[in-house]
């Protein structure tokens, strides 16, 4: 991940999920000039890039993410939060059924 990803972010360290999402954005957008609270579409993203992001997120976490997720949660911080909740729900579900 590039050194500039946290330019506009709070001084708090990113979570592991935020770091992974930022790495995906950096790869897809071909730049790292954004912060954790910058809007994906305001920093050069568009629907085709959003599709690529969802594919990469699926490869990382093994979960299908709908394209609408990027439109509804368009910052690294928001998207990572949704992913963390989905992972926690999956673990809770496995604990109950498994």
N, C-alpha and C. Protein backbone atom coordinates (compact mmCIF):
# COMPACT_ATOMS: atom_id res chain seq x y z
N UNK A 1 0.86 -1.17 0.00
CA UNK A 1 0.00 0.00 0.00
C UNK A 1 0.90 1.23 0.00
N UNK A 2 0.48 2.26 -0.70
CA UNK A 2 1.28 3.47 -0.79
C UNK A 2 1.30 4.26 0.50
N UNK A 3 2.27 5.10 0.62
CA UNK A 3 2.43 5.90 1.82
C UNK A 3 1.38 6.99 1.97
N UNK A 4 0.73 7.39 0.88
CA UNK A 4 -0.19 8.52 0.91
C UNK A 4 -1.63 8.14 1.23
N UNK A 5 -1.93 6.88 1.42
CA UNK A 5 -3.30 6.45 1.62
C UNK A 5 -3.94 7.14 2.81
N UNK A 6 -3.17 7.50 3.81
CA UNK A 6 -3.75 8.08 5.02
C UNK A 6 -3.66 9.60 5.05
N UNK A 7 -3.40 10.23 3.93
CA UNK A 7 -3.25 11.68 3.90
C UNK A 7 -4.42 12.42 4.53
N UNK A 8 -5.63 12.00 4.23
CA UNK A 8 -6.82 12.70 4.71
C UNK A 8 -7.49 12.00 5.88
N UNK A 9 -6.87 10.96 6.39
CA UNK A 9 -7.49 10.17 7.45
C UNK A 9 -7.16 10.74 8.82
N UNK A 10 -7.92 10.27 9.79
CA UNK A 10 -7.62 10.62 11.18
C UNK A 10 -6.25 10.07 11.54
N UNK A 11 -5.73 10.49 12.66
CA UNK A 11 -4.43 10.01 13.09
C UNK A 11 -4.49 8.58 13.59
N UNK A 12 -5.68 8.03 13.78
CA UNK A 12 -5.81 6.64 14.22
C UNK A 12 -5.25 5.71 13.16
N UNK A 13 -4.66 4.62 13.62
CA UNK A 13 -4.16 3.61 12.70
C UNK A 13 -5.35 2.92 12.03
N UNK A 14 -5.23 2.58 10.75
CA UNK A 14 -6.31 1.85 10.09
C UNK A 14 -6.43 0.43 10.64
N UNK A 15 -7.63 -0.08 10.62
CA UNK A 15 -7.83 -1.48 11.01
C UNK A 15 -7.26 -2.36 9.90
N UNK A 16 -7.07 -3.64 10.18
CA UNK A 16 -6.60 -4.54 9.13
C UNK A 16 -7.54 -4.57 7.91
N UNK A 17 -8.83 -4.52 8.17
CA UNK A 17 -9.80 -4.52 7.06
C UNK A 17 -9.69 -3.22 6.27
N UNK A 18 -9.57 -2.09 6.94
CA UNK A 18 -9.40 -0.81 6.24
C UNK A 18 -8.13 -0.84 5.39
N UNK A 19 -7.06 -1.40 5.91
CA UNK A 19 -5.82 -1.50 5.14
C UNK A 19 -6.00 -2.34 3.89
N UNK A 20 -6.70 -3.47 4.02
CA UNK A 20 -6.92 -4.33 2.86
C UNK A 20 -7.81 -3.66 1.82
N UNK A 21 -8.87 -2.99 2.27
CA UNK A 21 -9.74 -2.28 1.34
C UNK A 21 -8.95 -1.18 0.63
N UNK A 22 -8.14 -0.43 1.37
CA UNK A 22 -7.32 0.63 0.77
C UNK A 22 -6.35 0.05 -0.26
N UNK A 23 -5.79 -1.11 0.01
CA UNK A 23 -4.89 -1.75 -0.95
C UNK A 23 -5.63 -2.10 -2.24
N UNK A 24 -6.85 -2.61 -2.10
CA UNK A 24 -7.65 -2.93 -3.28
C UNK A 24 -7.94 -1.66 -4.08
N UNK A 25 -8.35 -0.60 -3.39
CA UNK A 25 -8.63 0.66 -4.08
C UNK A 25 -7.38 1.17 -4.79
N UNK A 26 -6.24 1.08 -4.13
CA UNK A 26 -4.98 1.55 -4.73
C UNK A 26 -4.69 0.79 -6.02
N UNK A 27 -4.89 -0.51 -5.97
CA UNK A 27 -4.64 -1.33 -7.16
C UNK A 27 -5.62 -1.00 -8.29
N UNK A 28 -6.89 -0.89 -7.96
CA UNK A 28 -7.91 -0.63 -8.98
C UNK A 28 -7.80 0.79 -9.54
N UNK A 29 -7.62 1.77 -8.66
CA UNK A 29 -7.58 3.17 -9.09
C UNK A 29 -6.22 3.58 -9.65
N UNK A 30 -5.21 2.77 -9.41
CA UNK A 30 -3.84 3.04 -9.88
C UNK A 30 -3.25 4.29 -9.25
N UNK A 31 -3.71 4.61 -8.04
CA UNK A 31 -3.10 5.69 -7.25
C UNK A 31 -3.48 5.50 -5.79
N UNK A 32 -2.73 6.17 -4.93
CA UNK A 32 -2.99 6.06 -3.50
C UNK A 32 -3.19 7.42 -2.86
N UNK A 33 -3.70 8.35 -3.63
CA UNK A 33 -3.91 9.71 -3.15
C UNK A 33 -5.32 9.87 -2.59
N UNK A 34 -5.60 9.14 -1.51
CA UNK A 34 -6.90 9.23 -0.87
C UNK A 34 -6.77 8.86 0.59
N UNK A 35 -7.76 9.25 1.34
CA UNK A 35 -7.81 8.92 2.75
C UNK A 35 -8.94 7.95 3.04
N UNK A 36 -9.02 7.51 4.26
CA UNK A 36 -10.02 6.52 4.64
C UNK A 36 -11.45 7.03 4.53
N UNK A 37 -11.63 8.34 4.55
CA UNK A 37 -12.97 8.91 4.48
C UNK A 37 -13.28 9.59 3.15
N UNK A 38 -12.43 9.38 2.15
CA UNK A 38 -12.68 9.95 0.83
C UNK A 38 -13.64 9.06 0.04
N UNK A 39 -14.53 9.70 -0.69
CA UNK A 39 -15.53 8.99 -1.49
C UNK A 39 -14.87 8.36 -2.71
N UNK A 40 -15.13 7.08 -2.92
CA UNK A 40 -14.56 6.31 -4.03
C UNK A 40 -14.78 7.01 -5.38
N UNK A 41 -15.95 7.55 -5.57
CA UNK A 41 -16.29 8.15 -6.86
C UNK A 41 -15.69 9.54 -7.01
N UNK A 42 -15.42 10.20 -5.91
CA UNK A 42 -14.80 11.53 -5.96
C UNK A 42 -13.29 11.46 -6.23
N UNK A 43 -12.71 10.29 -6.03
CA UNK A 43 -11.26 10.15 -6.23
C UNK A 43 -10.92 9.38 -7.50
N UNK A 44 -11.89 9.26 -8.39
CA UNK A 44 -11.61 8.65 -9.68
C UNK A 44 -12.30 7.33 -9.94
N UNK A 45 -13.08 6.85 -8.98
CA UNK A 45 -13.79 5.60 -9.18
C UNK A 45 -15.02 5.78 -10.05
N UNK A 46 -15.41 4.71 -10.69
CA UNK A 46 -16.65 4.68 -11.47
C UNK A 46 -17.21 3.27 -11.39
N UNK A 47 -18.32 3.01 -12.04
CA UNK A 47 -19.01 1.74 -11.87
C UNK A 47 -18.16 0.53 -12.29
N UNK A 48 -17.36 0.66 -13.34
CA UNK A 48 -16.51 -0.46 -13.75
C UNK A 48 -15.44 -0.74 -12.70
N UNK A 49 -14.84 0.31 -12.15
CA UNK A 49 -13.86 0.13 -11.08
C UNK A 49 -14.53 -0.46 -9.84
N UNK A 50 -15.75 -0.03 -9.56
CA UNK A 50 -16.48 -0.56 -8.40
C UNK A 50 -16.71 -2.06 -8.58
N UNK A 51 -16.99 -2.48 -9.78
CA UNK A 51 -17.15 -3.90 -10.07
C UNK A 51 -15.85 -4.65 -9.79
N UNK A 52 -14.74 -4.10 -10.24
CA UNK A 52 -13.44 -4.73 -9.98
C UNK A 52 -13.16 -4.82 -8.48
N UNK A 53 -13.52 -3.78 -7.75
CA UNK A 53 -13.32 -3.78 -6.30
C UNK A 53 -14.12 -4.93 -5.68
N UNK A 54 -15.37 -5.09 -6.06
CA UNK A 54 -16.19 -6.16 -5.47
C UNK A 54 -15.61 -7.53 -5.79
N UNK A 55 -15.06 -7.72 -6.99
CA UNK A 55 -14.42 -8.99 -7.34
C UNK A 55 -13.22 -9.26 -6.44
N UNK A 56 -12.41 -8.23 -6.22
CA UNK A 56 -11.22 -8.42 -5.39
C UNK A 56 -11.60 -8.66 -3.93
N UNK A 57 -12.62 -7.96 -3.45
CA UNK A 57 -13.07 -8.19 -2.08
C UNK A 57 -13.58 -9.62 -1.92
N UNK A 58 -14.27 -10.11 -2.92
CA UNK A 58 -14.75 -11.50 -2.89
C UNK A 58 -13.57 -12.46 -2.82
N UNK A 59 -12.52 -12.19 -3.61
CA UNK A 59 -11.36 -13.06 -3.60
C UNK A 59 -10.66 -13.05 -2.24
N UNK A 60 -10.63 -11.91 -1.58
CA UNK A 60 -9.96 -11.79 -0.28
C UNK A 60 -10.77 -12.49 0.81
N UNK A 61 -12.07 -12.20 0.87
CA UNK A 61 -12.88 -12.69 1.99
C UNK A 61 -13.78 -13.88 1.65
N UNK A 62 -13.83 -14.28 0.40
CA UNK A 62 -14.63 -15.44 0.04
C UNK A 62 -16.12 -15.23 0.18
N UNK A 63 -16.55 -13.97 0.05
CA UNK A 63 -17.96 -13.61 0.18
C UNK A 63 -18.35 -12.77 -1.03
N UNK A 64 -19.53 -13.04 -1.57
CA UNK A 64 -20.03 -12.21 -2.67
C UNK A 64 -20.51 -10.89 -2.12
N UNK A 65 -19.96 -9.81 -2.63
CA UNK A 65 -20.39 -8.47 -2.24
C UNK A 65 -21.14 -7.85 -3.41
N UNK A 66 -22.36 -7.37 -3.19
CA UNK A 66 -23.11 -6.76 -4.28
C UNK A 66 -22.46 -5.44 -4.71
N UNK A 67 -22.57 -5.13 -5.97
CA UNK A 67 -22.03 -3.88 -6.50
C UNK A 67 -22.61 -2.68 -5.76
N UNK A 68 -23.85 -2.77 -5.36
CA UNK A 68 -24.49 -1.65 -4.65
C UNK A 68 -23.77 -1.30 -3.34
N UNK A 69 -23.02 -2.24 -2.80
CA UNK A 69 -22.30 -1.98 -1.55
C UNK A 69 -21.36 -0.79 -1.68
N UNK A 70 -20.67 -0.70 -2.80
CA UNK A 70 -19.73 0.40 -3.03
C UNK A 70 -20.48 1.73 -3.16
N UNK A 71 -21.64 1.70 -3.77
CA UNK A 71 -22.43 2.92 -3.92
C UNK A 71 -23.02 3.37 -2.58
N UNK A 72 -23.39 2.42 -1.74
CA UNK A 72 -24.00 2.74 -0.45
C UNK A 72 -22.97 3.05 0.63
N UNK A 73 -21.78 2.49 0.51
CA UNK A 73 -20.70 2.65 1.49
C UNK A 73 -19.43 2.98 0.73
N UNK A 74 -19.31 4.23 0.33
CA UNK A 74 -18.31 4.61 -0.68
C UNK A 74 -17.00 5.16 -0.12
N UNK A 75 -16.74 4.93 1.17
CA UNK A 75 -15.42 5.27 1.72
C UNK A 75 -14.76 3.99 2.23
N UNK A 76 -13.46 4.02 2.33
CA UNK A 76 -12.74 2.86 2.85
C UNK A 76 -13.27 2.52 4.24
N UNK A 77 -13.41 3.52 5.08
CA UNK A 77 -13.84 3.29 6.46
C UNK A 77 -15.24 2.66 6.52
N UNK A 78 -16.20 3.19 5.73
CA UNK A 78 -17.56 2.65 5.73
C UNK A 78 -17.58 1.22 5.19
N UNK A 79 -16.87 1.01 4.09
CA UNK A 79 -16.86 -0.30 3.45
C UNK A 79 -16.22 -1.34 4.37
N UNK A 80 -15.13 -0.97 5.00
CA UNK A 80 -14.45 -1.89 5.93
C UNK A 80 -15.35 -2.24 7.10
N UNK A 81 -16.11 -1.27 7.59
CA UNK A 81 -17.02 -1.50 8.70
C UNK A 81 -18.09 -2.52 8.32
N UNK A 82 -18.63 -2.39 7.12
CA UNK A 82 -19.65 -3.33 6.64
C UNK A 82 -19.04 -4.73 6.50
N UNK A 83 -17.85 -4.79 5.97
CA UNK A 83 -17.17 -6.09 5.81
C UNK A 83 -16.92 -6.73 7.17
N UNK A 84 -16.45 -5.93 8.13
CA UNK A 84 -16.21 -6.47 9.48
C UNK A 84 -17.50 -7.00 10.10
N UNK A 85 -18.61 -6.27 9.92
CA UNK A 85 -19.89 -6.75 10.45
C UNK A 85 -20.31 -8.04 9.77
N UNK A 86 -20.12 -8.12 8.46
CA UNK A 86 -20.48 -9.34 7.71
C UNK A 86 -19.63 -10.52 8.18
N UNK A 87 -18.35 -10.28 8.41
CA UNK A 87 -17.48 -11.35 8.91
C UNK A 87 -17.92 -11.80 10.30
N UNK A 88 -18.25 -10.85 11.16
CA UNK A 88 -18.69 -11.18 12.52
C UNK A 88 -20.00 -11.96 12.47
N UNK A 89 -20.92 -11.56 11.60
CA UNK A 89 -22.19 -12.27 11.47
C UNK A 89 -21.96 -13.70 10.98
N UNK A 90 -21.03 -13.88 10.06
CA UNK A 90 -20.72 -15.20 9.53
C UNK A 90 -20.13 -16.08 10.63
N UNK A 91 -19.26 -15.52 11.45
CA UNK A 91 -18.66 -16.28 12.55
C UNK A 91 -19.73 -16.65 13.57
N UNK A 92 -20.60 -15.71 13.90
CA UNK A 92 -21.68 -15.98 14.84
C UNK A 92 -22.60 -17.06 14.30
N UNK A 93 -22.89 -17.00 13.01
CA UNK A 93 -23.76 -17.99 12.38
C UNK A 93 -23.11 -19.37 12.41
N UNK A 94 -21.80 -19.43 12.14
CA UNK A 94 -21.09 -20.71 12.17
C UNK A 94 -21.06 -21.27 13.58
N UNK A 95 -20.91 -20.40 14.58
CA UNK A 95 -20.84 -20.85 15.96
C UNK A 95 -22.18 -21.45 16.40
N UNK A 96 -23.26 -20.89 15.89
CA UNK A 96 -24.58 -21.37 16.27
C UNK A 96 -24.91 -22.68 15.55
N UNK A 97 -24.58 -22.74 14.24
CA UNK A 97 -24.95 -23.91 13.45
C UNK A 97 -23.87 -24.96 13.39
N UNK A 98 -22.62 -24.57 13.61
CA UNK A 98 -21.51 -25.52 13.42
C UNK A 98 -21.09 -26.08 14.69
